[in-house]
Amino acid sequence: MKTTEEKYIVFHRNVLDGLSEIHDKSVQTCVTSPPYYNLRDYGVEGQIGLEATPEEYIQNLVQVFRHVRRVLKDDGTLWIVIGDSYNGSGKAKGDKNIDKFLQRSNKSSHSTKPTKVSSLKSRDLIGIPWMLAFALRADGWYLRQDIIWSKPNPMPESVKNRCTKSHEYVFLLSKSPKYYFDYEALEEPATGYDNRKDIVMKEFVYPVRRKRSVWTIPTQPFKGAHFAVFPESLAELCVIAGSKEGDVVLDVFSGAATTGKVALQNNRIYRGYEINADFIEIGKNRI
C-alpha cells in the first residue's frame, strides 16, 4: 500500500519540462484551473497569465494541455475551471476592479495593470473561456461539455451597467470519443419520479437523477496565502466522475492543492506541478 508521501507529490517545476518526464498514458484525469488572464502577477519566472495578448495566453495553455493529452490514458479526461476578463480602456481601472475579486491579493502576488487589448473595444468581455475551449478542440481534444459553476454567494459588484457576475465555466474534454465517466458518482436527489429517462429509484428508496450541467456550489473561504482556491466540492465532482480509486489524478497548476486534497480523500494518487514554492508549502500543510 502506498504511503501518503507516495500518493501525493507536487513537483516544483515548469509544467512543460515536468510533463516530459511522465510516461505516456499514465494519468486517468486532469483537474485544473490555470491562472486567469492578466489578473495576477505571481512574481515567478515562466508564469502563465501575463501574456501581451489573449491569443498568446491561449496558445501557451494549448501547448500545456497538448502535453497533458499525451500522458492521459486513452479513456482519460481533462476538466478545466476557467474565468473571464474584461478589456480596459488603459485610462481607468474600469471592470478590472471587479475581476480582481475573482482572485484576491496576498503577499505572494499583486494585481496587474488593467487589461488593455488593442484589438478589442474598451469594456469588452474578452471571452477567454470559449477562446480556450475552441482552441483545444482545434488542437485535437474532444470538447464534451460546458458546465456552469453557479455561485450563490458571489462577490458583490458596484457595476450598474450589467448583471453581477456569479458564474465560471468548467469544461469537460476528452482524449478520445469514448472515455471514462462515472455518471452514477454524480447522481443527485430528484424531487420526485416523473418517468423521465434520467430519473431512477435508487434501491427503491428515493429517486435520483443524472447530474445537470449547472452546478450550484458556494465559494469556499480559505485562510491560507493563496487566493485562487476553488471549492473542494467542485474539484471532488470532477475527480470522482473522471477516475476510479487508485487512479492517478493530475493538476498542472497545483496552487494550494485543492485537487490533491480531494484526490487523497477519495483514495486516488495525486501528481501536481507548481512553479511557486510558497504555494507548494501551502498545499503540503493542507494535506
C-alpha atoms as a PDB file:
ATOM      1  CA  MET A   1       0.000   0.000   0.000  1.00  0.00           C
ATOM      2  CA  LYS A   2       1.339   3.408  -0.948  1.00  0.00           C
ATOM      3  CA  THR A   3       2.061   5.938   1.793  1.00  0.00           C
ATOM      4  CA  THR A   4       0.683   9.481   1.727  1.00  0.00           C
ATOM      5  CA  GLU A   5       4.099  10.697   0.578  1.00  0.00           C
ATOM      6  CA  GLU A   6       3.917   8.337  -2.390  1.00  0.00           C
ATOM      7  CA  LYS A   7       0.309   9.148  -3.211  1.00  0.00           C
ATOM      8  CA  TYR A   8       0.794  12.925  -3.036  1.00  0.00           C
ATOM      9  CA  ILE A   9       3.659  14.522  -4.954  1.00  0.00           C
ATOM     10  CA  VAL A  10       3.869  18.110  -6.225  1.00  0.00           C
ATOM     11  CA  PHE A  11       6.836  18.923  -8.418  1.00  0.00           C
ATOM     12  CA  HIS A  12       8.423  22.368  -8.195  1.00  0.00           C
ATOM     13  CA  ARG A  13       8.934  22.520 -11.916  1.00  0.00           C
ATOM     14  CA  ASN A  14       7.800  24.305 -15.026  1.00  0.00           C
ATOM     15  CA  VAL A  15       4.935  22.123 -16.157  1.00  0.00           C
ATOM     16  CA  LEU A  16       6.215  21.744 -19.734  1.00  0.00           C
ATOM     17  CA  ASP A  17       9.567  20.462 -18.515  1.00  0.00           C
ATOM     18  CA  GLY A  18       7.991  18.254 -15.875  1.00  0.00           C
ATOM     19  CA  LEU A  19       5.382  16.606 -18.055  1.00  0.00           C
ATOM     20  CA  SER A  20       8.082  15.467 -20.461  1.00  0.00           C
ATOM     21  CA  GLU A  21       9.236  13.103 -17.695  1.00  0.00           C
ATOM     22  CA  ILE A  22       5.848  11.411 -17.264  1.00  0.00           C
ATOM     23  CA  HIS A  23       5.169   8.218 -19.199  1.00  0.00           C
ATOM     24  CA  ASP A  24       2.596   8.218 -21.967  1.00  0.00           C
ATOM     25  CA  LYS A  25      -0.918   7.135 -20.984  1.00  0.00           C
ATOM     26  CA  SER A  26      -0.172   7.016 -17.240  1.00  0.00           C
ATOM     27  CA  VAL A  27      -2.757   9.527 -15.928  1.00  0.00           C
ATOM     28  CA  GLN A  28      -6.511   8.940 -15.757  1.00  0.00           C
ATOM     29  CA  THR A  29      -7.766  12.503 -15.372  1.00  0.00           C
ATOM     30  CA  CYS A  30      -6.506  16.073 -15.040  1.00  0.00           C
ATOM     31  CA  VAL A  31      -8.468  18.543 -12.915  1.00  0.00           C
ATOM     32  CA  THR A  32      -7.034  22.044 -13.001  1.00  0.00           C
ATOM     33  CA  SER A  33      -7.615  25.781 -13.057  1.00  0.00           C
ATOM     34  CA  PRO A  34      -4.985  27.834 -14.908  1.00  0.00           C
ATOM     35  CA  PRO A  35      -4.066  31.372 -13.835  1.00  0.00           C
ATOM     36  CA  TYR A  36      -6.666  33.761 -15.235  1.00  0.00           C
ATOM     37  CA  TYR A  37      -5.549  36.082 -17.992  1.00  0.00           C
ATOM     38  CA  ASN A  38      -3.727  39.266 -16.905  1.00  0.00           C
ATOM     39  CA  LEU A  39      -5.168  39.195 -13.405  1.00  0.00           C
ATOM     40  CA  ARG A  40      -2.285  38.394 -11.059  1.00  0.00           C
ATOM     41  CA  ASP A  41       1.492  38.629 -11.157  1.00  0.00           C
ATOM     42  CA  TYR A  42       2.860  35.734  -9.133  1.00  0.00           C
ATOM     43  CA  GLY A  43       6.399  37.060  -9.347  1.00  0.00           C
ATOM     44  CA  VAL A  44       7.731  33.792 -10.747  1.00  0.00           C
ATOM     45  CA  GLU A  45       9.699  33.379 -13.950  1.00  0.00           C
ATOM     46  CA  GLY A  46       7.868  31.348 -16.573  1.00  0.00           C
ATOM     47  CA  GLN A  47       4.395  32.002 -15.213  1.00  0.00           C
ATOM     48  CA  ILE A  48       1.357  31.840 -17.478  1.00  0.00           C
ATOM     49  CA  GLY A  49      -1.229  34.614 -17.436  1.00  0.00           C
ATOM     50  CA  LEU A  50       0.749  37.779 -18.183  1.00  0.00           C
ATOM     51  CA  GLU A  51       0.991  37.379 -21.942  1.00  0.00           C
ATOM     52  CA  ALA A  52       0.686  40.507 -24.089  1.00  0.00           C
ATOM     53  CA  THR A  53      -2.448  39.280 -25.853  1.00  0.00           C
ATOM     54  CA  PRO A  54      -5.259  36.810 -25.130  1.00  0.00           C
ATOM     55  CA  GLU A  55      -4.181  34.847 -28.198  1.00  0.00           C
ATOM     56  CA  GLU A  56      -0.676  34.330 -26.805  1.00  0.00           C
ATOM     57  CA  TYR A  57      -2.138  33.268 -23.459  1.00  0.00           C
ATOM     58  CA  ILE A  58      -4.413  30.751 -25.150  1.00  0.00           C
ATOM     59  CA  GLN A  59      -1.601  29.313 -27.254  1.00  0.00           C
ATOM     60  CA  ASN A  60       0.560  28.790 -24.172  1.00  0.00           C
ATOM     61  CA  LEU A  61      -2.285  26.911 -22.495  1.00  0.00           C
ATOM     62  CA  VAL A  62      -2.860  24.842 -25.635  1.00  0.00           C
ATOM     63  CA  GLN A  63       0.792  23.804 -25.511  1.00  0.00           C
ATOM     64  CA  VAL A  64       0.498  22.770 -21.857  1.00  0.00           C
ATOM     65  CA  PHE A  65      -2.650  20.750 -22.428  1.00  0.00           C
ATOM     66  CA  ARG A  66      -1.153  19.121 -25.517  1.00  0.00           C
ATOM     67  CA  HIS A  67       1.381  17.520 -23.179  1.00  0.00           C
ATOM     68  CA  VAL A  68      -1.435  16.611 -20.800  1.00  0.00           C
ATOM     69  CA  ARG A  69      -3.178  14.775 -23.635  1.00  0.00           C
ATOM     70  CA  ARG A  70      -0.051  12.697 -24.199  1.00  0.00           C
ATOM     71  CA  VAL A  71       0.148  11.494 -20.587  1.00  0.00           C
ATOM     72  CA  LEU A  72      -3.573  10.756 -20.318  1.00  0.00           C
ATOM     73  CA  LYS A  73      -4.825   7.229 -20.828  1.00  0.00           C
ATOM     74  CA  ASP A  74      -6.862   6.728 -23.978  1.00  0.00           C
ATOM     75  CA  ASP A  75     -10.075   6.975 -21.945  1.00  0.00           C
ATOM     76  CA  GLY A  76      -8.812   9.923 -19.891  1.00  0.00           C
ATOM     77  CA  THR A  77     -10.451  13.301 -19.342  1.00  0.00           C
ATOM     78  CA  LEU A  78      -9.491  16.905 -18.735  1.00  0.00           C
ATOM     79  CA  TRP A  79     -11.521  19.242 -16.503  1.00  0.00           C
ATOM     80  CA  ILE A  80     -10.700  22.958 -16.658  1.00  0.00           C
ATOM     81  CA  VAL A  81     -12.102  25.633 -14.336  1.00  0.00           C
ATOM     82  CA  ILE A  82     -11.688  28.988 -16.079  1.00  0.00           C
ATOM     83  CA  GLY A  83     -12.962  32.549 -15.643  1.00  0.00           C
ATOM     84  CA  ASP A  84     -13.194  35.501 -17.990  1.00  0.00           C
ATOM     85  CA  SER A  85     -11.718  39.008 -18.101  1.00  0.00           C
ATOM     86  CA  TYR A  86     -12.825  42.416 -19.316  1.00  0.00           C
ATOM     87  CA  ASN A  87     -10.855  44.697 -21.587  1.00  0.00           C
ATOM     88  CA  GLY A  88      -9.889  48.036 -20.055  1.00  0.00           C
ATOM     89  CA  SER A  89      -9.545  51.475 -21.549  1.00  0.00           C
ATOM     90  CA  GLY A  90      -5.976  51.972 -20.397  1.00  0.00           C
ATOM     91  CA  LYS A  91      -7.052  55.168 -18.628  1.00  0.00           C
ATOM     92  CA  ALA A  92      -9.001  53.831 -15.669  1.00  0.00           C
ATOM     93  CA  LYS A  93      -9.456  50.569 -13.799  1.00  0.00           C
ATOM     94  CA  GLY A  94     -12.960  50.027 -15.122  1.00  0.00           C
ATOM     95  CA  ASP A  95     -14.124  46.439 -14.788  1.00  0.00           C
ATOM     96  CA  LYS A  96     -10.698  45.369 -13.530  1.00  0.00           C
ATOM     97  CA  ASN A  97     -11.941  46.347 -10.071  1.00  0.00           C
ATOM     98  CA  ILE A  98     -14.495  43.578 -10.456  1.00  0.00           C
ATOM     99  CA  ASP A  99     -12.228  40.930 -11.917  1.00  0.00           C
ATOM    100  CA  LYS A 100      -9.665  41.303  -9.173  1.00  0.00           C
ATOM    101  CA  PHE A 101     -12.133  39.772  -6.722  1.00  0.00           C
ATOM    102  CA  LEU A 102     -12.045  36.504  -8.676  1.00  0.00           C
ATOM    103  CA  GLN A 103      -8.565  36.014  -7.283  1.00  0.00           C
ATOM    104  CA  ARG A 104      -7.939  38.168  -4.228  1.00  0.00           C
ATOM    105  CA  SER A 105      -4.489  39.551  -3.469  1.00  0.00           C
ATOM    106  CA  ASN A 106      -1.958  38.272  -0.956  1.00  0.00           C
ATOM    107  CA  LYS A 107       1.715  38.525  -0.160  1.00  0.00           C
ATOM    108  CA  SER A 108       2.622  36.045  -2.909  1.00  0.00           C
ATOM    109  CA  SER A 109       1.320  38.179  -5.775  1.00  0.00           C
ATOM    110  CA  HIS A 110      -0.030  41.545  -6.799  1.00  0.00           C
ATOM    111  CA  SER A 111      -2.609  42.859  -9.223  1.00  0.00           C
ATOM    112  CA  THR A 112      -1.579  43.565 -12.776  1.00  0.00           C
ATOM    113  CA  LYS A 113      -2.400  46.690 -14.731  1.00  0.00           C
ATOM    114  CA  PRO A 114      -5.896  46.732 -16.252  1.00  0.00           C
ATOM    115  CA  THR A 115      -6.200  44.540 -19.308  1.00  0.00           C
ATOM    116  CA  LYS A 116      -5.790  46.600 -22.468  1.00  0.00           C
ATOM    117  CA  VAL A 117      -6.102  44.715 -25.732  1.00  0.00           C
ATOM    118  CA  SER A 118      -5.898  46.916 -28.817  1.00  0.00           C
ATOM    119  CA  SER A 119      -7.996  44.563 -30.927  1.00  0.00           C
ATOM    120  CA  LEU A 120     -10.955  44.874 -28.539  1.00  0.00           C
ATOM    121  CA  LYS A 121     -13.151  47.781 -27.520  1.00  0.00           C
ATOM    122  CA  SER A 122     -12.976  49.240 -24.047  1.00  0.00           C
ATOM    123  CA  ARG A 123     -15.013  47.159 -21.556  1.00  0.00           C
ATOM    124  CA  ASP A 124     -15.488  44.277 -23.965  1.00  0.00           C
ATOM    125  CA  LEU A 125     -15.814  40.876 -22.343  1.00  0.00           C
ATOM    126  CA  ILE A 126     -12.821  39.061 -23.810  1.00  0.00           C
ATOM    127  CA  GLY A 127     -14.356  35.584 -23.921  1.00  0.00           C
ATOM    128  CA  ILE A 128     -11.316  33.739 -22.566  1.00  0.00           C
ATOM    129  CA  PRO A 129     -13.137  30.505 -21.600  1.00  0.00           C
ATOM    130  CA  TRP A 130     -14.574  29.890 -25.057  1.00  0.00           C
ATOM    131  CA  MET A 131     -11.377  31.004 -26.786  1.00  0.00           C
ATOM    132  CA  LEU A 132      -9.613  28.278 -24.822  1.00  0.00           C
ATOM    133  CA  ALA A 133     -12.314  25.663 -25.421  1.00  0.00           C
ATOM    134  CA  PHE A 134     -12.336  26.209 -29.186  1.00  0.00           C
ATOM    135  CA  ALA A 135      -8.533  26.270 -29.374  1.00  0.00           C
ATOM    136  CA  LEU A 136      -8.286  22.964 -27.506  1.00  0.00           C
ATOM    137  CA  ARG A 137     -10.915  21.433 -29.758  1.00  0.00           C
ATOM    138  CA  ALA A 138      -8.963  22.555 -32.801  1.00  0.00           C
ATOM    139  CA  ASP A 139      -5.825  21.002 -31.283  1.00  0.00           C
ATOM    140  CA  GLY A 140      -7.414  17.570 -31.127  1.00  0.00           C
ATOM    141  CA  TRP A 141      -9.366  17.439 -27.875  1.00  0.00           C
ATOM    142  CA  TYR A 142     -12.994  16.342 -27.815  1.00  0.00           C
ATOM    143  CA  LEU A 143     -14.974  19.224 -26.305  1.00  0.00           C
ATOM    144  CA  ARG A 144     -17.656  17.277 -24.473  1.00  0.00           C
ATOM    145  CA  GLN A 145     -19.424  19.778 -22.244  1.00  0.00           C
ATOM    146  CA  ASP A 146     -19.549  23.268 -20.831  1.00  0.00           C
ATOM    147  CA  ILE A 147     -20.576  23.176 -17.182  1.00  0.00           C
ATOM    148  CA  ILE A 148     -21.682  26.312 -15.369  1.00  0.00           C
ATOM    149  CA  TRP A 149     -20.300  26.754 -11.879  1.00  0.00           C
ATOM    150  CA  SER A 150     -23.068  28.883 -10.354  1.00  0.00           C
ATOM    151  CA  LYS A 151     -22.041  30.754  -7.206  1.00  0.00           C
ATOM    152  CA  PRO A 152     -24.890  31.503  -4.770  1.00  0.00           C
ATOM    153  CA  ASN A 153     -22.511  33.742  -2.798  1.00  0.00           C
ATOM    154  CA  PRO A 154     -20.665  35.731  -5.500  1.00  0.00           C
ATOM    155  CA  MET A 155     -18.517  38.719  -4.707  1.00  0.00           C
ATOM    156  CA  PRO A 156     -20.761  41.835  -4.739  1.00  0.00           C
ATOM    157  CA  GLU A 157     -20.074  44.339  -7.501  1.00  0.00           C
ATOM    158  CA  SER A 158     -20.683  48.051  -7.810  1.00  0.00           C
ATOM    159  CA  VAL A 159     -21.175  47.929 -11.581  1.00  0.00           C
ATOM    160  CA  LYS A 160     -24.538  49.328 -12.753  1.00  0.00           C
ATOM    161  CA  ASN A 161     -24.466  48.611 -16.481  1.00  0.00           C
ATOM    162  CA  ARG A 162     -24.614  44.790 -16.392  1.00  0.00           C
ATOM    163  CA  CYS A 163     -25.560  41.942 -14.083  1.00  0.00           C
ATOM    164  CA  THR A 164     -23.389  40.836 -11.202  1.00  0.00           C
ATOM    165  CA  LYS A 165     -21.076  38.035 -12.297  1.00  0.00           C
ATOM    166  CA  SER A 166     -21.926  34.850 -10.427  1.00  0.00           C
ATOM    167  CA  HIS A 167     -20.564  32.022 -12.543  1.00  0.00           C
ATOM    168  CA  GLU A 168     -17.484  30.500 -14.087  1.00  0.00           C
ATOM    169  CA  TYR A 169     -17.023  27.694 -16.595  1.00  0.00           C
ATOM    170  CA  VAL A 170     -15.912  24.112 -16.111  1.00  0.00           C
ATOM    171  CA  PHE A 171     -15.033  22.463 -19.415  1.00  0.00           C
ATOM    172  CA  LEU A 172     -15.006  18.696 -19.789  1.00  0.00           C
ATOM    173  CA  LEU A 173     -12.714  17.491 -22.571  1.00  0.00           C
ATOM    174  CA  SER A 174     -11.620  14.000 -23.526  1.00  0.00           C
ATOM    175  CA  LYS A 175      -8.703  12.447 -25.356  1.00  0.00           C
ATOM    176  CA  SER A 176     -10.889  10.002 -27.295  1.00  0.00           C
ATOM    177  CA  PRO A 177     -14.537   9.784 -28.352  1.00  0.00           C
ATOM    178  CA  LYS A 178     -15.065   7.070 -25.714  1.00  0.00           C
ATOM    179  CA  TYR A 179     -13.804   7.876 -22.242  1.00  0.00           C
ATOM    180  CA  TYR A 180     -14.276   7.021 -18.576  1.00  0.00           C
ATOM    181  CA  PHE A 181     -17.128   8.943 -16.990  1.00  0.00           C
ATOM    182  CA  ASP A 182     -18.807   7.666 -13.817  1.00  0.00           C
ATOM    183  CA  TYR A 183     -22.246   9.214 -14.163  1.00  0.00           C
ATOM    184  CA  GLU A 184     -23.520   7.257 -11.159  1.00  0.00           C
ATOM    185  CA  ALA A 185     -20.981   9.002  -8.924  1.00  0.00           C
ATOM    186  CA  LEU A 186     -22.615  12.298  -9.866  1.00  0.00           C
ATOM    187  CA  GLU A 187     -26.218  11.251  -9.384  1.00  0.00           C
ATOM    188  CA  GLU A 188     -28.194  13.731  -7.327  1.00  0.00           C
ATOM    189  CA  PRO A 189     -31.517  13.575  -5.476  1.00  0.00           C
ATOM    190  CA  ALA A 190     -34.548  14.190  -7.669  1.00  0.00           C
ATOM    191  CA  THR A 191     -37.622  15.992  -6.385  1.00  0.00           C
ATOM    192  CA  GLY A 192     -39.805  13.091  -7.490  1.00  0.00           C
ATOM    193  CA  TYR A 193     -40.113  10.288 -10.014  1.00  0.00           C
ATOM    194  CA  ASP A 194     -41.886  11.561 -13.121  1.00  0.00           C
ATOM    195  CA  ASN A 195     -40.935   8.842 -15.642  1.00  0.00           C
ATOM    196  CA  ARG A 196     -38.079  10.825 -17.154  1.00  0.00           C
ATOM    197  CA  LYS A 197     -35.365   8.636 -18.604  1.00  0.00           C
ATOM    198  CA  ASP A 198     -32.622  10.103 -16.423  1.00  0.00           C
ATOM    199  CA  ILE A 199     -34.507   9.611 -13.130  1.00  0.00           C
ATOM    200  CA  VAL A 200     -34.406   6.242 -11.370  1.00  0.00           C
ATOM    201  CA  MET A 201     -35.352   4.903  -7.958  1.00  0.00           C
ATOM    202  CA  LYS A 202     -32.122   4.271  -6.040  1.00  0.00           C
ATOM    203  CA  GLU A 203     -32.514   0.923  -4.302  1.00  0.00           C
ATOM    204  CA  PHE A 204     -36.252   1.582  -4.456  1.00  0.00           C
ATOM    205  CA  VAL A 205     -35.913   4.110  -1.635  1.00  0.00           C
ATOM    206  CA  TYR A 206     -35.537   7.563  -3.163  1.00  0.00           C
ATOM    207  CA  PRO A 207     -35.421   8.998  -6.697  1.00  0.00           C
ATOM    208  CA  VAL A 208     -32.137  10.181  -8.176  1.00  0.00           C
ATOM    209  CA  ARG A 209     -31.324  11.764 -11.500  1.00  0.00           C
ATOM    210  CA  ARG A 210     -28.348  12.361 -13.743  1.00  0.00           C
ATOM    211  CA  LYS A 211     -26.489  15.475 -12.716  1.00  0.00           C
ATOM    212  CA  ARG A 212     -27.410  18.613 -14.631  1.00  0.00           C
ATOM    213  CA  SER A 213     -24.858  20.900 -16.297  1.00  0.00           C
ATOM    214  CA  VAL A 214     -25.351  23.799 -13.859  1.00  0.00           C
ATOM    215  CA  TRP A 215     -23.523  23.144 -10.589  1.00  0.00           C
ATOM    216  CA  THR A 216     -24.554  25.431  -7.736  1.00  0.00           C
ATOM    217  CA  ILE A 217     -21.604  25.450  -5.359  1.00  0.00           C
ATOM    218  CA  PRO A 218     -20.760  28.233  -2.881  1.00  0.00           C
ATOM    219  CA  THR A 219     -17.285  29.713  -2.934  1.00  0.00           C
ATOM    220  CA  GLN A 220     -15.180  28.340  -0.102  1.00  0.00           C
ATOM    221  CA  PRO A 221     -13.263  30.585   2.312  1.00  0.00           C
ATOM    222  CA  PHE A 222      -9.569  29.840   2.532  1.00  0.00           C
ATOM    223  CA  LYS A 223      -7.327  31.264   5.250  1.00  0.00           C
ATOM    224  CA  GLY A 224      -4.046  30.480   3.529  1.00  0.00           C
ATOM    225  CA  ALA A 225      -1.964  32.885   1.462  1.00  0.00           C
ATOM    226  CA  HIS A 226      -3.228  31.500  -1.833  1.00  0.00           C
ATOM    227  CA  PHE A 227      -6.243  33.366  -3.163  1.00  0.00           C
ATOM    228  CA  ALA A 228      -7.391  31.426  -6.234  1.00  0.00           C
ATOM    229  CA  VAL A 229      -8.736  28.374  -4.431  1.00  0.00           C
ATOM    230  CA  PHE A 230     -11.808  26.790  -5.982  1.00  0.00           C
ATOM    231  CA  PRO A 231     -14.144  24.815  -3.689  1.00  0.00           C
ATOM    232  CA  GLU A 232     -13.229  21.286  -2.696  1.00  0.00           C
ATOM    233  CA  SER A 233     -16.753  20.130  -3.537  1.00  0.00           C
ATOM    234  CA  LEU A 234     -16.270  21.368  -7.117  1.00  0.00           C
ATOM    235  CA  ALA A 235     -12.961  19.544  -7.504  1.00  0.00           C
ATOM    236  CA  GLU A 236     -14.455  16.406  -5.976  1.00  0.00           C
ATOM    237  CA  LEU A 237     -17.205  16.165  -8.585  1.00  0.00           C
ATOM    238  CA  CYS A 238     -14.591  16.188 -11.337  1.00  0.00           C
ATOM    239  CA  VAL A 239     -12.318  13.711  -9.572  1.00  0.00           C
ATOM    240  CA  ILE A 240     -14.977  11.092  -8.783  1.00  0.00           C
ATOM    241  CA  ALA A 241     -16.545  11.336 -12.246  1.00  0.00           C
ATOM    242  CA  GLY A 242     -13.236  11.162 -14.097  1.00  0.00           C
ATOM    243  CA  SER A 243     -11.371   8.460 -12.160  1.00  0.00           C
ATOM    244  CA  LYS A 244     -11.581   5.331 -10.030  1.00  0.00           C
ATOM    245  CA  GLU A 245      -9.930   4.530  -6.705  1.00  0.00           C
ATOM    246  CA  GLY A 246      -6.213   4.002  -7.241  1.00  0.00           C
ATOM    247  CA  ASP A 247      -6.087   6.086 -10.426  1.00  0.00           C
ATOM    248  CA  VAL A 248      -3.624   8.930 -10.953  1.00  0.00           C
ATOM    249  CA  VAL A 249      -5.135  12.426 -10.847  1.00  0.00           C
ATOM    250  CA  LEU A 250      -3.080  15.297 -12.263  1.00  0.00           C
ATOM    251  CA  ASP A 251      -3.189  19.060 -11.738  1.00  0.00           C
ATOM    252  CA  VAL A 252      -0.757  21.029 -13.881  1.00  0.00           C
ATOM    253  CA  PHE A 253      -1.452  24.271 -11.953  1.00  0.00           C
ATOM    254  CA  SER A 254      -1.491  22.762  -8.485  1.00  0.00           C
ATOM    255  CA  GLY A 255      -1.637  26.005  -6.466  1.00  0.00           C
ATOM    256  CA  ALA A 256      -2.926  25.275  -2.968  1.00  0.00           C
ATOM    257  CA  ALA A 257      -3.534  21.643  -3.983  1.00  0.00           C
ATOM    258  CA  THR A 258      -7.316  21.562  -3.724  1.00  0.00           C
ATOM    259  CA  THR A 259      -7.389  18.813  -6.349  1.00  0.00           C
ATOM    260  CA  GLY A 260      -4.660  16.961  -4.471  1.00  0.00           C
ATOM    261  CA  LYS A 261      -6.507  17.080  -1.160  1.00  0.00           C
ATOM    262  CA  VAL A 262      -9.705  15.817  -2.759  1.00  0.00           C
ATOM    263  CA  ALA A 263      -7.829  13.101  -4.660  1.00  0.00           C
ATOM    264  CA  LEU A 264      -6.334  11.704  -1.446  1.00  0.00           C
ATOM    265  CA  GLN A 265      -9.683  11.863   0.351  1.00  0.00           C
ATOM    266  CA  ASN A 266     -11.141   9.723  -2.427  1.00  0.00           C
ATOM    267  CA  ASN A 267      -8.286   7.172  -2.499  1.00  0.00           C
ATOM    268  CA  ARG A 268      -6.610   8.430  -5.662  1.00  0.00           C
ATOM    269  CA  ILE A 269      -2.937   9.107  -6.393  1.00  0.00           C
ATOM    270  CA  TYR A 270      -2.054  12.765  -6.964  1.00  0.00           C
ATOM    271  CA  ARG A 271       0.618  14.370  -9.095  1.00  0.00           C
ATOM    272  CA  GLY A 272       0.850  18.133  -9.395  1.00  0.00           C
ATOM    273  CA  TYR A 273       3.067  20.840 -10.861  1.00  0.00           C
ATOM    274  CA  GLU A 274       3.564  24.292  -9.363  1.00  0.00           C
ATOM    275  CA  ILE A 275       6.262  26.880 -10.053  1.00  0.00           C
ATOM    276  CA  ASN A 276       5.578  28.914  -6.899  1.00  0.00           C
ATOM    277  CA  ALA A 277       7.335  27.295  -3.941  1.00  0.00           C
ATOM    278  CA  ASP A 278       5.148  29.164  -1.432  1.00  0.00           C
ATOM    279  CA  PHE A 279       2.026  27.561  -2.850  1.00  0.00           C
ATOM    280  CA  ILE A 280       3.587  24.096  -2.698  1.00  0.00           C
ATOM    281  CA  GLU A 281       4.160  24.576   1.009  1.00  0.00           C
ATOM    282  CA  ILE A 282       0.559  25.706   1.460  1.00  0.00           C
ATOM    283  CA  GLY A 283      -0.621  22.534  -0.220  1.00  0.00           C
ATOM    284  CA  LYS A 284       1.560  20.341   1.982  1.00  0.00           C
ATOM    285  CA  ASN A 285       0.171  21.993   5.097  1.00  0.00           C
ATOM    286  CA  ARG A 286      -3.391  21.331   3.913  1.00  0.00           C
ATOM    287  CA  ILE A 287      -2.588  17.651   3.426  1.00  0.00           C
END
